[in-house]
Every structure is written in structure tokens, then in C-alpha cells.
C-alpha atoms as a PDB file:
ATOM      1  CA  MET A   1       0.000   0.000   0.000  1.00  0.00           C
ATOM      2  CA  GLN A   2       1.197   3.502  -0.772  1.00  0.00           C
ATOM      3  CA  ARG A   3       2.082   6.103   1.844  1.00  0.00           C
ATOM      4  CA  ILE A   4      -0.918   8.325   2.500  1.00  0.00           C
ATOM      5  CA  PRO A   5      -0.600  11.830   3.987  1.00  0.00           C
ATOM      6  CA  ILE A   6      -2.278  12.673   7.294  1.00  0.00           C
ATOM      7  CA  ASP A   7      -4.514  15.730   7.629  1.00  0.00           C
ATOM      8  CA  THR A   8      -5.614  16.285  11.237  1.00  0.00           C
ATOM      9  CA  GLY A   9      -8.058  18.915   9.953  1.00  0.00           C
ATOM     10  CA  ALA A  10      -9.997  16.206   8.111  1.00  0.00           C
ATOM     11  CA  PHE A  11     -12.281  14.077  10.279  1.00  0.00           C
ATOM     12  CA  PHE A  12     -12.692  11.098   7.938  1.00  0.00           C
ATOM     13  CA  THR A  13     -10.078   9.194   6.006  1.00  0.00           C
ATOM     14  CA  ILE A  14     -10.631   9.944   2.322  1.00  0.00           C
ATOM     15  CA  LEU A  15      -9.819   7.315  -0.298  1.00  0.00           C
ATOM     16  CA  PRO A  16     -10.614   6.984  -3.997  1.00  0.00           C
ATOM     17  CA  SER A  17     -13.193   4.281  -4.719  1.00  0.00           C
ATOM     18  CA  GLU A  18     -10.577   2.212  -6.595  1.00  0.00           C
ATOM     19  CA  ILE A  19      -8.511   1.830  -3.405  1.00  0.00           C
ATOM     20  CA  LEU A  20     -11.597   1.014  -1.316  1.00  0.00           C
ATOM     21  CA  PHE A  21     -12.628  -1.740  -3.739  1.00  0.00           C
ATOM     22  CA  GLU A  22      -9.038  -3.040  -3.927  1.00  0.00           C
ATOM     23  CA  ILE A  23      -8.762  -3.456  -0.147  1.00  0.00           C
ATOM     24  CA  GLY A  24     -12.252  -4.918   0.263  1.00  0.00           C
ATOM     25  CA  ALA A  25     -13.763  -2.039   2.242  1.00  0.00           C
ATOM     26  CA  TYR A  26     -17.336  -2.574   3.442  1.00  0.00           C
ATOM     27  CA  PRO A  27     -19.884   0.028   2.239  1.00  0.00           C
ATOM     28  CA  GLU A  28     -22.057   1.342   5.061  1.00  0.00           C
ATOM     29  CA  ASP A  29     -25.709   2.167   4.471  1.00  0.00           C
ATOM     30  CA  LEU A  30     -25.141   5.884   5.011  1.00  0.00           C
ATOM     31  CA  LYS A  31     -23.659   8.981   3.456  1.00  0.00           C
ATOM     32  CA  ALA A  32     -21.777  11.903   5.002  1.00  0.00           C
ATOM     33  CA  ARG A  33     -22.034  15.557   4.058  1.00  0.00           C
ATOM     34  CA  LEU A  34     -18.525  17.006   3.891  1.00  0.00           C
ATOM     35  CA  GLU A  35     -17.687  20.695   4.181  1.00  0.00           C
ATOM     36  CA  LEU A  36     -14.743  21.529   1.934  1.00  0.00           C
ATOM     37  CA  GLU A  37     -12.028  24.146   2.527  1.00  0.00           C
ATOM     38  CA  ARG A  38     -13.314  26.336  -0.280  1.00  0.00           C
ATOM     39  CA  GLY A  39     -16.704  26.594   1.453  1.00  0.00           C
ATOM     40  CA  ASP A  40     -18.863  24.232  -0.571  1.00  0.00           C
ATOM     41  CA  SER A  41     -20.080  20.807   0.517  1.00  0.00           C
ATOM     42  CA  LEU A  42     -20.661  17.414  -1.048  1.00  0.00           C
ATOM     43  CA  GLU A  43     -22.178  14.054  -0.196  1.00  0.00           C
ATOM     44  CA  ALA A  44     -19.790  11.123   0.222  1.00  0.00           C
ATOM     45  CA  GLN A  45     -20.321   7.364   0.563  1.00  0.00           C
ATOM     46  CA  VAL A  46     -19.107   5.962   3.923  1.00  0.00           C
ATOM     47  CA  TYR A  47     -17.123   2.701   4.190  1.00  0.00           C
ATOM     48  CA  SER A  48     -15.722   0.628   7.058  1.00  0.00           C
ATOM     49  CA  VAL A  49     -12.023  -0.029   6.524  1.00  0.00           C
ATOM     50  CA  VAL A  50      -9.438  -2.059   8.430  1.00  0.00           C
ATOM     51  CA  VAL A  51      -6.365   0.143   8.920  1.00  0.00           C
ATOM     52  CA  ALA A  52      -2.953  -0.518  10.433  1.00  0.00           C
ATOM     53  CA  ALA A  53      -0.035   1.667  11.531  1.00  0.00           C
ATOM     54  CA  GLN A  54       2.722   1.469  14.148  1.00  0.00           C
ATOM     55  CA  GLY A  55       1.853  -2.156  14.914  1.00  0.00           C
ATOM     56  CA  ARG A  56      -1.784  -1.308  15.640  1.00  0.00           C
ATOM     57  CA  GLU A  57      -4.821  -2.429  13.664  1.00  0.00           C
ATOM     58  CA  ASP A  58      -8.470  -1.400  13.949  1.00  0.00           C
ATOM     59  CA  VAL A  59     -11.563  -0.507  11.958  1.00  0.00           C
ATOM     60  CA  THR A  60     -12.198   3.107  10.987  1.00  0.00           C
ATOM     61  CA  LEU A  61     -14.545   4.958   8.666  1.00  0.00           C
ATOM     62  CA  ALA A  62     -13.478   6.236   5.267  1.00  0.00           C
ATOM     63  CA  VAL A  63     -15.360   8.224   2.655  1.00  0.00           C
ATOM     64  CA  THR A  64     -15.126   8.517  -1.094  1.00  0.00           C
ATOM     65  CA  PHE A  65     -16.450  10.890  -3.717  1.00  0.00           C
ATOM     66  CA  GLU A  66     -15.625  11.884  -7.287  1.00  0.00           C
ATOM     67  CA  GLY A  67     -12.035  13.163  -7.455  1.00  0.00           C
ATOM     68  CA  ALA A  68     -11.151  11.983  -3.912  1.00  0.00           C
ATOM     69  CA  GLN A  69      -7.428  12.154  -3.083  1.00  0.00           C
ATOM     70  CA  PRO A  70      -6.039   9.812  -0.368  1.00  0.00           C
ATOM     71  CA  VAL A  71      -5.812  11.417   3.096  1.00  0.00           C
ATOM     72  CA  LEU A  72      -5.814   9.865   6.570  1.00  0.00           C
ATOM     73  CA  GLY A  73      -8.047  11.902   8.871  1.00  0.00           C
ATOM     74  CA  ALA A  74      -8.327  12.526  12.606  1.00  0.00           C
ATOM     75  CA  LYS A  75     -10.699   9.566  13.111  1.00  0.00           C
ATOM     76  CA  PHE A  76      -7.967   7.236  11.810  1.00  0.00           C
ATOM     77  CA  LEU A  77      -5.574   8.597  14.463  1.00  0.00           C
ATOM     78  CA  GLU A  78      -8.181   8.370  17.236  1.00  0.00           C
ATOM     79  CA  ASP A  79      -9.250   4.838  16.307  1.00  0.00           C
ATOM     80  CA  LEU A  80      -5.641   3.601  16.381  1.00  0.00           C
ATOM     81  CA  GLY A  81      -4.691   5.647  19.459  1.00  0.00           C
ATOM     82  CA  LEU A  82      -2.041   7.681  17.656  1.00  0.00           C
ATOM     83  CA  ASN A  83      -0.920  11.323  17.470  1.00  0.00           C
ATOM     84  CA  VAL A  84       1.321  13.134  15.028  1.00  0.00           C
ATOM     85  CA  ASP A  85       4.446  14.469  16.776  1.00  0.00           C
ATOM     86  CA  SER A  86       4.471  18.192  15.947  1.00  0.00           C
ATOM     87  CA  GLU A  87       8.269  18.383  15.684  1.00  0.00           C
ATOM     88  CA  SER A  88       9.162  15.188  13.826  1.00  0.00           C
ATOM     89  CA  GLY A  89       5.885  14.635  11.965  1.00  0.00           C
ATOM     90  CA  LEU A  90       6.041  10.966  12.997  1.00  0.00           C
ATOM     91  CA  LEU A  91       3.204   8.917  14.482  1.00  0.00           C
ATOM     92  CA  GLU A  92       3.372   8.210  18.221  1.00  0.00           C
ATOM     93  CA  PRO A  93       1.001   6.441  20.641  1.00  0.00           C
ATOM     94  CA  SER A  94      -1.590   8.613  22.403  1.00  0.00           C
ATOM     95  CA  ARG A  95      -2.807   5.743  24.600  1.00  0.00           C
ATOM     96  CA  HIS A  96      -2.028   2.119  25.348  1.00  0.00           C
ATOM     97  CA  HIS A  97      -2.753  -0.261  22.504  1.00  0.00           C
ATOM     98  CA  GLY A  98      -6.190  -1.859  22.876  1.00  0.00           C
ATOM     99  CA  PHE A  99      -7.686   0.838  25.134  1.00  0.00           C
ATOM    100  CA  ALA A 100     -10.367   3.222  23.884  1.00  0.00           C
ATOM    101  CA  PHE A 101      -9.200   6.021  26.194  1.00  0.00           C
ATOM    102  CA  ASN A 102      -6.898   6.837  29.098  1.00  0.00           C
ATOM    103  CA  TYR A 103      -8.515   7.504  32.469  1.00  0.00           C
ATOM    104  CA  GLU A 104      -6.561   9.135  35.248  1.00  0.00           C
ATOM    105  CA  PRO A 105      -8.539  10.079  38.374  1.00  0.00           C
END
């Protein structure tokens, strides 16, 4: 699989339909309305996708639409428990693998 850029300003992972079909993504019975940077919006098909990074694997949601360019969004990072290090640009754990959140009383 190719390297895909991360955009923490994007909620969903965005993938062209060809990639979604190639990896066997599961189409959900719903659509998402996306607000684009230039101010307009569009409707996108939602898929469930198995993703992996940094030795972690989980299911996340991805969307596709005409002209979609591959981008990993914030939901991808949250679902895998990862952050982007602001200095190095590398992925780092935000929580222990397998936990949905960290709780500290």
C-alpha cells in the first residue's frame, strides 16, 4: 500500500473508490455531508475499513467521492490511538494499545 498523507483537519479518512474496492472495504448504508475548505459541501459514501499503523490495527470509517485524493483523517488517528508528533511529523502512541481512552482520576 502507498504512503498516504495525514490531515488532522480532516475528520474522515478519504480514499478513492478504486482503493476502497481493492482493499475490500465494506460500504455502510449511510452517506456523510462534507464541508470543503473552499466553502462548498458534497455528499460522500461511507465505508468501514481495516487500517494498520505502528503495529496497531483497527476498523475506521473512510469516505469517497468523485475526485477523492487519499488522506488519513483525525478519526484514523483516534481509532488507532495515535498522534502526530508536531516536531518530527512521525506517528506516536496517544494511549495504550487496545484501550479506547486513558482515564486518570
